[in-house]
Amino acid sequence: MITRRLRRLAVGVTVGAAALTGLAATAHADTKPDNLRRVFAAAEYGTGCSFPGPNLLLDQSPPLVDPSPWAAPWVFIVNFRPACDMHDAGYDGGIVFDPINGGIVDTRGLSRSTIDARFHGDLMTSCNRQIGWNAPAARAQCYTIAGTYYLAVRAAGWALFDADPAVQGVQQSGTRPNN
C-alpha cells in the first residue's frame, strides 16, 4: 500500500516537472508567414510535452497499469503529444487544425484560462480514447497525470503566454487576457 502511494507520488512529481519544463514552444505565431490567413498543423507550433525539443518519453504518459482481470492488455501508454501541441499553438496564438476534436481553431482571441481548460479537456479525451472502459484503474491514473499537467500550466504558464500574437515576441499583456 505504501509502495503504491510512493510510486504514484514519484510518477506525479516526474510528470509535473516535465509539464513545468515543457511550457515553451519554439515557433510563435507572429514569426510564421501568412499566420493571419493560413491554417497550420498544431504540431508546427509545439515541442510536444517537453522542452527544449521533442522528447518521446515525456510525450506519453508513463505506463499505466490496471490489475483488473477484465482489463486487457493491462498496461497502457497514452500519447499526450497532440494535446500538448494544441496547447503550445494556443499559447502562441495560432490558427490551427485541431487533431483531437477536429475542425479549425483560431486561438488568437482566446484567453490563457480558456486555452488551459481546452488542454485539460484534450488530455482527458486522450485518456478516454486510448484506455478502454474496462480499465478503470489505468484511466484513474491517466486522469491524475492529466490533472498534474493542467495544474502545472495554470501555475507557471503566464510567463510563456503570448498575449498579443500580432506583435513579435512574447508579450505578458495585450489583446488576449493572460489570466
N, C-alpha and C. Protein backbone atom coordinates (compact mmCIF):
# COMPACT_ATOMS: atom_id res chain seq x y z
N MET A 1 0.83 -1.19 0.00
CA MET A 1 0.00 0.00 0.00
C MET A 1 0.88 1.25 0.00
N ILE A 2 1.87 1.31 0.88
CA ILE A 2 2.76 2.47 0.95
C ILE A 2 3.61 2.54 -0.31
N THR A 3 4.06 1.38 -0.81
CA THR A 3 4.86 1.35 -2.03
C THR A 3 4.06 1.91 -3.20
N ARG A 4 2.80 1.55 -3.29
CA ARG A 4 1.94 2.04 -4.37
C ARG A 4 1.79 3.56 -4.28
N ARG A 5 1.58 4.06 -3.09
CA ARG A 5 1.44 5.51 -2.91
C ARG A 5 2.73 6.24 -3.26
N LEU A 6 3.86 5.68 -2.85
CA LEU A 6 5.15 6.29 -3.19
C LEU A 6 5.39 6.28 -4.70
N ARG A 7 5.02 5.18 -5.34
CA ARG A 7 5.17 5.09 -6.78
C ARG A 7 4.30 6.14 -7.47
N ARG A 8 3.05 6.28 -7.04
CA ARG A 8 2.16 7.29 -7.62
C ARG A 8 2.70 8.70 -7.38
N LEU A 9 3.23 8.94 -6.21
CA LEU A 9 3.81 10.24 -5.91
C LEU A 9 5.01 10.52 -6.82
N ALA A 10 5.85 9.52 -7.01
CA ALA A 10 7.02 9.68 -7.88
C ALA A 10 6.61 9.96 -9.32
N VAL A 11 5.60 9.24 -9.80
CA VAL A 11 5.10 9.48 -11.15
C VAL A 11 4.52 10.88 -11.26
N GLY A 12 3.75 11.29 -10.26
CA GLY A 12 3.16 12.62 -10.28
C GLY A 12 4.21 13.72 -10.28
N VAL A 13 5.24 13.57 -9.48
CA VAL A 13 6.30 14.57 -9.42
C VAL A 13 7.04 14.62 -10.75
N THR A 14 7.33 13.46 -11.34
CA THR A 14 8.03 13.41 -12.62
C THR A 14 7.21 14.08 -13.71
N VAL A 15 5.92 13.75 -13.77
CA VAL A 15 5.06 14.34 -14.79
C VAL A 15 4.92 15.84 -14.55
N GLY A 16 4.79 16.24 -13.31
CA GLY A 16 4.68 17.67 -13.00
C GLY A 16 5.92 18.43 -13.42
N ALA A 17 7.08 17.88 -13.15
CA ALA A 17 8.33 18.53 -13.56
C ALA A 17 8.42 18.60 -15.07
N ALA A 18 8.01 17.55 -15.74
CA ALA A 18 8.04 17.55 -17.21
C ALA A 18 7.08 18.59 -17.76
N ALA A 19 5.91 18.70 -17.16
CA ALA A 19 4.94 19.69 -17.62
C ALA A 19 5.44 21.10 -17.40
N LEU A 20 6.06 21.35 -16.26
CA LEU A 20 6.58 22.69 -15.99
C LEU A 20 7.69 23.08 -16.93
N THR A 21 8.55 22.13 -17.29
CA THR A 21 9.64 22.46 -18.20
C THR A 21 9.19 22.42 -19.65
N GLY A 22 8.02 21.87 -19.92
CA GLY A 22 7.56 21.75 -21.29
C GLY A 22 6.58 22.83 -21.70
N LEU A 23 6.61 23.96 -21.02
CA LEU A 23 5.64 25.00 -21.32
C LEU A 23 6.00 25.86 -22.54
N ALA A 24 7.22 25.86 -22.95
CA ALA A 24 7.63 26.76 -24.02
C ALA A 24 7.61 26.07 -25.37
N ALA A 25 7.17 26.80 -26.37
CA ALA A 25 7.20 26.30 -27.74
C ALA A 25 8.28 27.06 -28.50
N THR A 26 8.73 26.48 -29.59
CA THR A 26 9.82 27.09 -30.33
C THR A 26 9.34 28.04 -31.41
N ALA A 27 8.16 27.85 -31.95
CA ALA A 27 7.70 28.68 -33.06
C ALA A 27 6.49 29.49 -32.63
N HIS A 28 6.59 30.80 -32.72
CA HIS A 28 5.47 31.65 -32.34
C HIS A 28 4.67 32.05 -33.56
N ALA A 29 3.39 32.32 -33.36
CA ALA A 29 2.51 32.68 -34.45
C ALA A 29 3.00 33.91 -35.19
N ASP A 30 3.56 34.87 -34.46
CA ASP A 30 3.99 36.10 -35.11
C ASP A 30 5.22 35.91 -35.99
N THR A 31 5.87 34.76 -35.94
CA THR A 31 7.03 34.51 -36.79
C THR A 31 6.67 33.67 -38.01
N LYS A 32 5.44 33.18 -38.08
CA LYS A 32 5.03 32.35 -39.20
C LYS A 32 4.46 33.21 -40.32
N PRO A 33 4.94 33.01 -41.55
CA PRO A 33 4.39 33.77 -42.66
C PRO A 33 2.92 33.41 -42.89
N ASP A 34 2.12 34.38 -43.24
CA ASP A 34 0.69 34.19 -43.52
C ASP A 34 -0.11 33.67 -42.34
N ASN A 35 0.35 33.95 -41.11
CA ASN A 35 -0.37 33.45 -39.94
C ASN A 35 -1.81 33.93 -39.90
N LEU A 36 -2.08 35.13 -40.39
CA LEU A 36 -3.44 35.67 -40.32
C LEU A 36 -4.37 35.07 -41.36
N ARG A 37 -3.82 34.35 -42.35
CA ARG A 37 -4.65 33.82 -43.42
C ARG A 37 -4.53 32.31 -43.59
N ARG A 38 -3.59 31.68 -42.94
CA ARG A 38 -3.31 30.27 -43.20
C ARG A 38 -3.51 29.43 -41.93
N VAL A 39 -4.02 28.23 -42.14
CA VAL A 39 -4.19 27.28 -41.05
C VAL A 39 -2.96 26.37 -41.01
N PHE A 40 -2.40 26.20 -39.83
CA PHE A 40 -1.23 25.35 -39.64
C PHE A 40 -1.63 24.11 -38.86
N ALA A 41 -0.82 23.06 -38.98
CA ALA A 41 -0.98 21.89 -38.12
C ALA A 41 -0.50 22.28 -36.72
N ALA A 42 -1.17 21.82 -35.70
CA ALA A 42 -0.78 22.15 -34.33
C ALA A 42 0.65 21.73 -34.04
N ALA A 43 1.11 20.65 -34.65
CA ALA A 43 2.47 20.15 -34.41
C ALA A 43 3.53 21.14 -34.89
N GLU A 44 3.17 22.06 -35.79
CA GLU A 44 4.14 23.04 -36.25
C GLU A 44 4.48 24.07 -35.17
N TYR A 45 3.65 24.19 -34.17
CA TYR A 45 3.90 25.11 -33.07
C TYR A 45 4.57 24.43 -31.89
N GLY A 46 4.27 23.18 -31.70
CA GLY A 46 4.63 22.52 -30.46
C GLY A 46 5.96 21.84 -30.43
N THR A 47 6.44 21.66 -29.22
CA THR A 47 7.60 20.83 -28.97
C THR A 47 7.14 19.55 -28.28
N GLY A 48 5.87 19.29 -28.34
CA GLY A 48 5.33 18.14 -27.61
C GLY A 48 5.17 18.52 -26.15
N CYS A 49 5.41 17.59 -25.30
CA CYS A 49 5.21 17.81 -23.87
C CYS A 49 6.53 17.99 -23.15
N SER A 50 7.52 18.49 -23.83
CA SER A 50 8.82 18.65 -23.20
C SER A 50 9.57 19.83 -23.81
N PHE A 51 10.61 20.20 -23.16
CA PHE A 51 11.45 21.32 -23.60
C PHE A 51 12.90 20.86 -23.51
N PRO A 52 13.78 21.19 -24.39
CA PRO A 52 13.68 22.19 -25.44
C PRO A 52 13.22 21.63 -26.77
N GLY A 53 12.99 20.35 -26.88
CA GLY A 53 12.55 19.79 -28.14
C GLY A 53 11.78 18.51 -27.91
N PRO A 54 11.45 17.84 -29.00
CA PRO A 54 10.66 16.61 -28.85
C PRO A 54 11.35 15.61 -27.93
N ASN A 55 10.59 15.06 -27.03
CA ASN A 55 11.08 14.05 -26.11
C ASN A 55 10.04 12.94 -26.10
N LEU A 56 10.32 11.87 -26.79
CA LEU A 56 9.32 10.83 -26.97
C LEU A 56 8.88 10.20 -25.66
N LEU A 57 9.74 10.17 -24.67
CA LEU A 57 9.37 9.61 -23.38
C LEU A 57 8.31 10.46 -22.70
N LEU A 58 8.50 11.79 -22.70
CA LEU A 58 7.59 12.66 -21.99
C LEU A 58 6.37 13.06 -22.81
N ASP A 59 6.35 12.73 -24.11
CA ASP A 59 5.16 12.98 -24.91
C ASP A 59 4.08 11.96 -24.60
N GLN A 60 4.43 10.94 -23.85
CA GLN A 60 3.49 9.90 -23.49
C GLN A 60 3.41 9.81 -21.98
N SER A 61 2.31 9.28 -21.52
CA SER A 61 2.20 9.06 -20.09
C SER A 61 3.13 7.91 -19.71
N PRO A 62 3.52 7.83 -18.44
CA PRO A 62 4.25 6.63 -18.02
C PRO A 62 3.33 5.42 -18.17
N PRO A 63 3.86 4.21 -18.15
CA PRO A 63 2.97 3.05 -18.25
C PRO A 63 1.91 3.08 -17.15
N LEU A 64 0.69 2.92 -17.55
CA LEU A 64 -0.43 2.90 -16.62
C LEU A 64 -0.90 1.46 -16.49
N VAL A 65 -0.96 0.98 -15.29
CA VAL A 65 -1.25 -0.43 -15.06
C VAL A 65 -2.64 -0.58 -14.45
N ASP A 66 -3.40 -1.51 -14.99
CA ASP A 66 -4.69 -1.86 -14.41
C ASP A 66 -4.65 -3.35 -14.08
N PRO A 67 -4.62 -3.70 -12.79
CA PRO A 67 -4.51 -5.11 -12.42
C PRO A 67 -5.81 -5.89 -12.54
N SER A 68 -6.89 -5.23 -12.96
CA SER A 68 -8.17 -5.92 -13.06
C SER A 68 -8.10 -7.07 -14.05
N PRO A 69 -8.70 -8.21 -13.72
CA PRO A 69 -8.62 -9.36 -14.63
C PRO A 69 -9.34 -9.12 -15.96
N TRP A 70 -10.31 -8.20 -16.01
CA TRP A 70 -11.05 -7.94 -17.25
C TRP A 70 -10.38 -6.88 -18.11
N ALA A 71 -9.34 -6.24 -17.62
CA ALA A 71 -8.65 -5.20 -18.37
C ALA A 71 -7.48 -5.82 -19.14
N ALA A 72 -7.60 -5.79 -20.45
CA ALA A 72 -6.51 -6.31 -21.28
C ALA A 72 -6.08 -5.21 -22.22
N PRO A 73 -4.84 -4.99 -22.44
CA PRO A 73 -3.66 -5.77 -22.10
C PRO A 73 -3.07 -5.43 -20.74
N TRP A 74 -3.69 -4.67 -19.91
CA TRP A 74 -3.30 -4.35 -18.55
C TRP A 74 -2.33 -3.20 -18.44
N VAL A 75 -1.50 -2.97 -19.42
CA VAL A 75 -0.57 -1.85 -19.39
C VAL A 75 -0.90 -0.94 -20.57
N PHE A 76 -1.00 0.36 -20.32
CA PHE A 76 -1.40 1.31 -21.35
C PHE A 76 -0.39 2.45 -21.41
N ILE A 77 -0.11 2.91 -22.61
CA ILE A 77 0.69 4.11 -22.81
C ILE A 77 -0.21 5.09 -23.55
N VAL A 78 -0.38 6.28 -23.02
CA VAL A 78 -1.25 7.28 -23.62
C VAL A 78 -0.38 8.36 -24.25
N ASN A 79 -0.64 8.65 -25.51
CA ASN A 79 0.10 9.68 -26.23
C ASN A 79 -0.57 11.04 -25.99
N PHE A 80 0.12 11.92 -25.27
CA PHE A 80 -0.39 13.26 -24.97
C PHE A 80 0.11 14.30 -25.98
N ARG A 81 0.95 13.93 -26.91
CA ARG A 81 1.57 14.91 -27.79
C ARG A 81 0.55 15.80 -28.53
N PRO A 82 -0.53 15.27 -29.13
CA PRO A 82 -1.48 16.17 -29.81
C PRO A 82 -2.07 17.23 -28.87
N ALA A 83 -2.35 16.85 -27.63
CA ALA A 83 -2.89 17.82 -26.67
C ALA A 83 -1.85 18.88 -26.34
N CYS A 84 -0.60 18.47 -26.17
CA CYS A 84 0.47 19.42 -25.87
C CYS A 84 0.73 20.35 -27.06
N ASP A 85 0.68 19.81 -28.27
CA ASP A 85 0.87 20.64 -29.46
C ASP A 85 -0.24 21.68 -29.58
N MET A 86 -1.48 21.28 -29.33
CA MET A 86 -2.60 22.24 -29.37
C MET A 86 -2.42 23.32 -28.31
N HIS A 87 -1.95 22.93 -27.14
CA HIS A 87 -1.73 23.90 -26.07
C HIS A 87 -0.64 24.89 -26.46
N ASP A 88 0.45 24.40 -27.03
CA ASP A 88 1.52 25.29 -27.49
C ASP A 88 1.01 26.25 -28.55
N ALA A 89 0.21 25.75 -29.50
CA ALA A 89 -0.35 26.60 -30.56
C ALA A 89 -1.26 27.66 -29.96
N GLY A 90 -2.03 27.28 -28.94
CA GLY A 90 -2.91 28.24 -28.28
C GLY A 90 -2.13 29.33 -27.58
N TYR A 91 -1.06 28.96 -26.88
CA TYR A 91 -0.24 29.96 -26.19
C TYR A 91 0.43 30.90 -27.18
N ASP A 92 0.74 30.39 -28.37
CA ASP A 92 1.39 31.22 -29.38
C ASP A 92 0.41 32.03 -30.20
N GLY A 93 -0.88 31.71 -30.13
CA GLY A 93 -1.89 32.47 -30.86
C GLY A 93 -2.02 32.08 -32.31
N GLY A 94 -1.96 30.80 -32.60
CA GLY A 94 -2.03 30.33 -33.98
C GLY A 94 -3.43 29.96 -34.42
N ILE A 95 -3.59 29.85 -35.72
CA ILE A 95 -4.79 29.31 -36.33
C ILE A 95 -4.42 27.90 -36.74
N VAL A 96 -5.05 26.89 -36.14
CA VAL A 96 -4.59 25.52 -36.32
C VAL A 96 -5.74 24.56 -36.54
N PHE A 97 -5.39 23.42 -37.14
CA PHE A 97 -6.31 22.30 -37.23
C PHE A 97 -6.18 21.51 -35.94
N ASP A 98 -7.30 21.25 -35.29
CA ASP A 98 -7.32 20.53 -34.02
C ASP A 98 -7.28 19.03 -34.28
N PRO A 99 -6.15 18.36 -33.96
CA PRO A 99 -6.05 16.93 -34.23
C PRO A 99 -6.87 16.05 -33.28
N ILE A 100 -7.36 16.61 -32.21
CA ILE A 100 -8.09 15.81 -31.23
C ILE A 100 -9.61 15.89 -31.47
N ASN A 101 -10.11 17.11 -31.61
CA ASN A 101 -11.55 17.31 -31.76
C ASN A 101 -11.97 17.60 -33.19
N GLY A 102 -11.00 17.80 -34.07
CA GLY A 102 -11.31 18.13 -35.45
C GLY A 102 -11.66 19.61 -35.59
N GLY A 103 -11.66 20.08 -36.80
CA GLY A 103 -12.02 21.45 -37.08
C GLY A 103 -10.83 22.40 -36.96
N ILE A 104 -11.09 23.63 -37.33
CA ILE A 104 -10.08 24.67 -37.28
C ILE A 104 -10.34 25.54 -36.06
N VAL A 105 -9.27 25.83 -35.32
CA VAL A 105 -9.38 26.63 -34.10
C VAL A 105 -8.52 27.88 -34.27
N ASP A 106 -9.14 29.03 -34.14
CA ASP A 106 -8.42 30.31 -34.17
C ASP A 106 -8.19 30.71 -32.72
N THR A 107 -6.96 30.56 -32.26
CA THR A 107 -6.64 30.82 -30.85
C THR A 107 -6.23 32.27 -30.60
N ARG A 108 -6.22 33.10 -31.64
CA ARG A 108 -5.73 34.47 -31.48
C ARG A 108 -6.58 35.29 -30.51
N GLY A 109 -7.82 34.91 -30.27
CA GLY A 109 -8.68 35.65 -29.37
C GLY A 109 -8.97 34.95 -28.05
N LEU A 110 -8.35 33.80 -27.83
CA LEU A 110 -8.63 33.02 -26.63
C LEU A 110 -7.73 33.42 -25.47
N SER A 111 -8.30 33.45 -24.28
CA SER A 111 -7.54 33.77 -23.08
C SER A 111 -6.72 32.56 -22.64
N ARG A 112 -5.75 32.81 -21.77
CA ARG A 112 -4.91 31.72 -21.26
C ARG A 112 -5.76 30.70 -20.50
N SER A 113 -6.71 31.15 -19.69
CA SER A 113 -7.53 30.21 -18.93
C SER A 113 -8.37 29.33 -19.86
N THR A 114 -8.85 29.89 -20.96
CA THR A 114 -9.62 29.11 -21.93
C THR A 114 -8.73 28.06 -22.60
N ILE A 115 -7.52 28.46 -22.98
CA ILE A 115 -6.59 27.52 -23.62
C ILE A 115 -6.19 26.42 -22.64
N ASP A 116 -5.96 26.77 -21.39
CA ASP A 116 -5.60 25.77 -20.39
C ASP A 116 -6.76 24.80 -20.14
N ALA A 117 -7.99 25.31 -20.12
CA ALA A 117 -9.16 24.45 -19.93
C ALA A 117 -9.31 23.49 -21.12
N ARG A 118 -9.08 24.00 -22.34
CA ARG A 118 -9.12 23.13 -23.52
C ARG A 118 -8.04 22.05 -23.42
N PHE A 119 -6.87 22.44 -22.94
CA PHE A 119 -5.76 21.49 -22.76
C PHE A 119 -6.17 20.37 -21.81
N HIS A 120 -6.77 20.73 -20.70
CA HIS A 120 -7.21 19.72 -19.73
C HIS A 120 -8.24 18.80 -20.38
N GLY A 121 -9.18 19.37 -21.09
CA GLY A 121 -10.18 18.55 -21.78
C GLY A 121 -9.56 17.62 -22.82
N ASP A 122 -8.57 18.14 -23.56
CA ASP A 122 -7.89 17.31 -24.56
C ASP A 122 -7.11 16.16 -23.90
N LEU A 123 -6.49 16.44 -22.76
CA LEU A 123 -5.78 15.38 -22.04
C LEU A 123 -6.76 14.29 -21.58
N MET A 124 -7.90 14.72 -21.04
CA MET A 124 -8.90 13.76 -20.58
C MET A 124 -9.45 12.95 -21.75
N THR A 125 -9.66 13.62 -22.89
CA THR A 125 -10.13 12.91 -24.08
C THR A 125 -9.10 11.88 -24.52
N SER A 126 -7.82 12.24 -24.44
CA SER A 126 -6.76 11.28 -24.78
C SER A 126 -6.81 10.06 -23.87
N CYS A 127 -7.03 10.29 -22.59
CA CYS A 127 -7.16 9.17 -21.65
C CYS A 127 -8.33 8.28 -22.04
N ASN A 128 -9.47 8.89 -22.31
CA ASN A 128 -10.68 8.13 -22.61
C ASN A 128 -10.58 7.36 -23.92
N ARG A 129 -9.94 7.96 -24.93
CA ARG A 129 -9.85 7.30 -26.23
C ARG A 129 -8.79 6.20 -26.26
N GLN A 130 -7.76 6.32 -25.44
CA GLN A 130 -6.65 5.38 -25.54
C GLN A 130 -6.65 4.31 -24.45
N ILE A 131 -7.55 4.45 -23.49
CA ILE A 131 -7.69 3.43 -22.45
C ILE A 131 -9.16 3.00 -22.43
N GLY A 132 -9.39 1.73 -22.59
CA GLY A 132 -10.75 1.22 -22.67
C GLY A 132 -11.54 1.40 -21.39
N TRP A 133 -12.84 1.32 -21.52
CA TRP A 133 -13.75 1.45 -20.37
C TRP A 133 -13.51 0.34 -19.36
N ASN A 134 -12.94 -0.78 -19.83
CA ASN A 134 -12.73 -1.93 -18.96
C ASN A 134 -11.44 -1.84 -18.15
N ALA A 135 -10.80 -0.67 -18.14
CA ALA A 135 -9.57 -0.49 -17.37
C ALA A 135 -9.69 0.75 -16.49
N PRO A 136 -10.58 0.69 -15.48
CA PRO A 136 -10.83 1.89 -14.67
C PRO A 136 -9.63 2.35 -13.85
N ALA A 137 -8.78 1.45 -13.40
CA ALA A 137 -7.62 1.86 -12.60
C ALA A 137 -6.62 2.62 -13.48
N ALA A 138 -6.40 2.14 -14.69
CA ALA A 138 -5.48 2.84 -15.60
C ALA A 138 -6.05 4.20 -15.99
N ARG A 139 -7.36 4.28 -16.22
CA ARG A 139 -7.98 5.57 -16.54
C ARG A 139 -7.82 6.54 -15.37
N ALA A 140 -8.01 6.06 -14.17
CA ALA A 140 -7.86 6.93 -12.99
C ALA A 140 -6.43 7.47 -12.90
N GLN A 141 -5.44 6.62 -13.17
CA GLN A 141 -4.06 7.08 -13.18
C GLN A 141 -3.84 8.12 -14.27
N CYS A 142 -4.42 7.89 -15.43
CA CYS A 142 -4.28 8.83 -16.54
C CYS A 142 -4.91 10.17 -16.19
N TYR A 143 -6.08 10.14 -15.56
CA TYR A 143 -6.74 11.39 -15.15
C TYR A 143 -5.88 12.16 -14.16
N THR A 144 -5.19 11.44 -13.27
CA THR A 144 -4.30 12.10 -12.30
C THR A 144 -3.15 12.79 -13.02
N ILE A 145 -2.57 12.12 -14.00
CA ILE A 145 -1.48 12.72 -14.78
C ILE A 145 -1.99 13.93 -15.55
N ALA A 146 -3.16 13.82 -16.16
CA ALA A 146 -3.76 14.94 -16.89
C ALA A 146 -3.97 16.13 -15.96
N GLY A 147 -4.44 15.87 -14.75
CA GLY A 147 -4.64 16.95 -13.78
C GLY A 147 -3.34 17.60 -13.38
N THR A 148 -2.28 16.82 -13.28
CA THR A 148 -0.97 17.36 -12.93
C THR A 148 -0.45 18.28 -14.03
N TYR A 149 -0.58 17.85 -15.28
CA TYR A 149 -0.18 18.71 -16.40
C TYR A 149 -0.98 20.02 -16.37
N TYR A 150 -2.28 19.91 -16.16
CA TYR A 150 -3.13 21.11 -16.13
C TYR A 150 -2.71 22.06 -15.00
N LEU A 151 -2.51 21.53 -13.82
CA LEU A 151 -2.10 22.38 -12.69
C LEU A 151 -0.75 23.04 -12.94
N ALA A 152 0.14 22.33 -13.62
CA ALA A 152 1.46 22.90 -13.92
C ALA A 152 1.34 24.09 -14.86
N VAL A 153 0.53 23.96 -15.92
CA VAL A 153 0.41 25.09 -16.85
C VAL A 153 -0.36 26.25 -16.21
N ARG A 154 -1.30 25.95 -15.34
CA ARG A 154 -2.01 27.04 -14.65
C ARG A 154 -1.06 27.78 -13.71
N ALA A 155 -0.15 27.07 -13.09
CA ALA A 155 0.75 27.70 -12.12
C ALA A 155 1.84 28.52 -12.79
N ALA A 156 2.39 28.05 -13.89
CA ALA A 156 3.58 28.70 -14.45
C ALA A 156 3.42 29.17 -15.88
N GLY A 157 2.30 28.94 -16.50
CA GLY A 157 2.14 29.27 -17.92
C GLY A 157 2.06 30.75 -18.24
N TRP A 158 1.74 31.57 -17.27
CA TRP A 158 1.57 33.00 -17.54
C TRP A 158 2.82 33.62 -18.16
N ALA A 159 3.98 33.12 -17.82
CA ALA A 159 5.23 33.73 -18.31
C ALA A 159 5.49 33.41 -19.78
N LEU A 160 4.85 32.39 -20.32
CA LEU A 160 5.10 31.98 -21.69
C LEU A 160 3.93 32.20 -22.63
N PHE A 161 2.86 32.77 -22.11
CA PHE A 161 1.67 33.04 -22.91
C PHE A 161 1.88 34.32 -23.70
N ASP A 162 1.67 34.25 -25.01
CA ASP A 162 1.82 35.43 -25.88
C ASP A 162 0.47 36.15 -25.94
N ALA A 163 0.34 37.21 -25.16
CA ALA A 163 -0.93 37.92 -25.05
C ALA A 163 -1.25 38.76 -26.29
N ASP A 164 -0.28 38.98 -27.16
CA ASP A 164 -0.52 39.73 -28.40
C ASP A 164 0.20 39.03 -29.55
N PRO A 165 -0.46 38.04 -30.18
CA PRO A 165 0.20 37.25 -31.22
C PRO A 165 0.60 38.06 -32.45
N ALA A 166 0.06 39.25 -32.64
CA ALA A 166 0.39 40.05 -33.82
C ALA A 166 1.71 40.80 -33.66
N VAL A 167 2.24 40.86 -32.45
CA VAL A 167 3.48 41.59 -32.18
C VAL A 167 4.61 40.58 -31.98
N GLN A 168 5.75 40.88 -32.57
CA GLN A 168 6.91 39.98 -32.47
C GLN A 168 7.30 39.72 -31.02
N GLY A 169 7.58 38.46 -30.68
CA GLY A 169 7.99 38.11 -29.33
C GLY A 169 6.81 37.73 -28.44
N VAL A 170 7.10 37.52 -27.18
CA VAL A 170 6.07 37.14 -26.21
C VAL A 170 5.75 38.34 -25.34
N GLN A 171 4.48 38.75 -25.33
CA GLN A 171 4.03 39.87 -24.51
C GLN A 171 3.20 39.35 -23.35
N GLN A 172 3.43 39.90 -22.17
CA GLN A 172 2.66 39.49 -21.00
C GLN A 172 1.27 40.10 -20.97
N SER A 173 1.08 41.20 -21.69
CA SER A 173 -0.25 41.79 -21.78
C SER A 173 -0.49 42.17 -23.22
N GLY A 174 -1.75 42.23 -23.58
CA GLY A 174 -2.09 42.54 -24.97
C GLY A 174 -3.55 42.31 -25.23
N THR A 175 -3.86 41.83 -26.43
CA THR A 175 -5.25 41.65 -26.85
C THR A 175 -5.93 40.45 -26.21
N ARG A 176 -5.16 39.52 -25.66
CA ARG A 176 -5.73 38.33 -25.03
C ARG A 176 -5.42 38.35 -23.53
N PRO A 177 -6.43 38.05 -22.70
CA PRO A 177 -6.19 38.03 -21.25
C PRO A 177 -5.21 36.92 -20.85
N ASN A 178 -4.19 37.29 -20.10
CA ASN A 178 -3.22 36.33 -19.58
C ASN A 178 -3.64 36.01 -18.15
N ASN A 179 -4.73 35.31 -18.03
CA ASN A 179 -5.33 35.03 -16.71
C ASN A 179 -5.14 33.61 -16.28
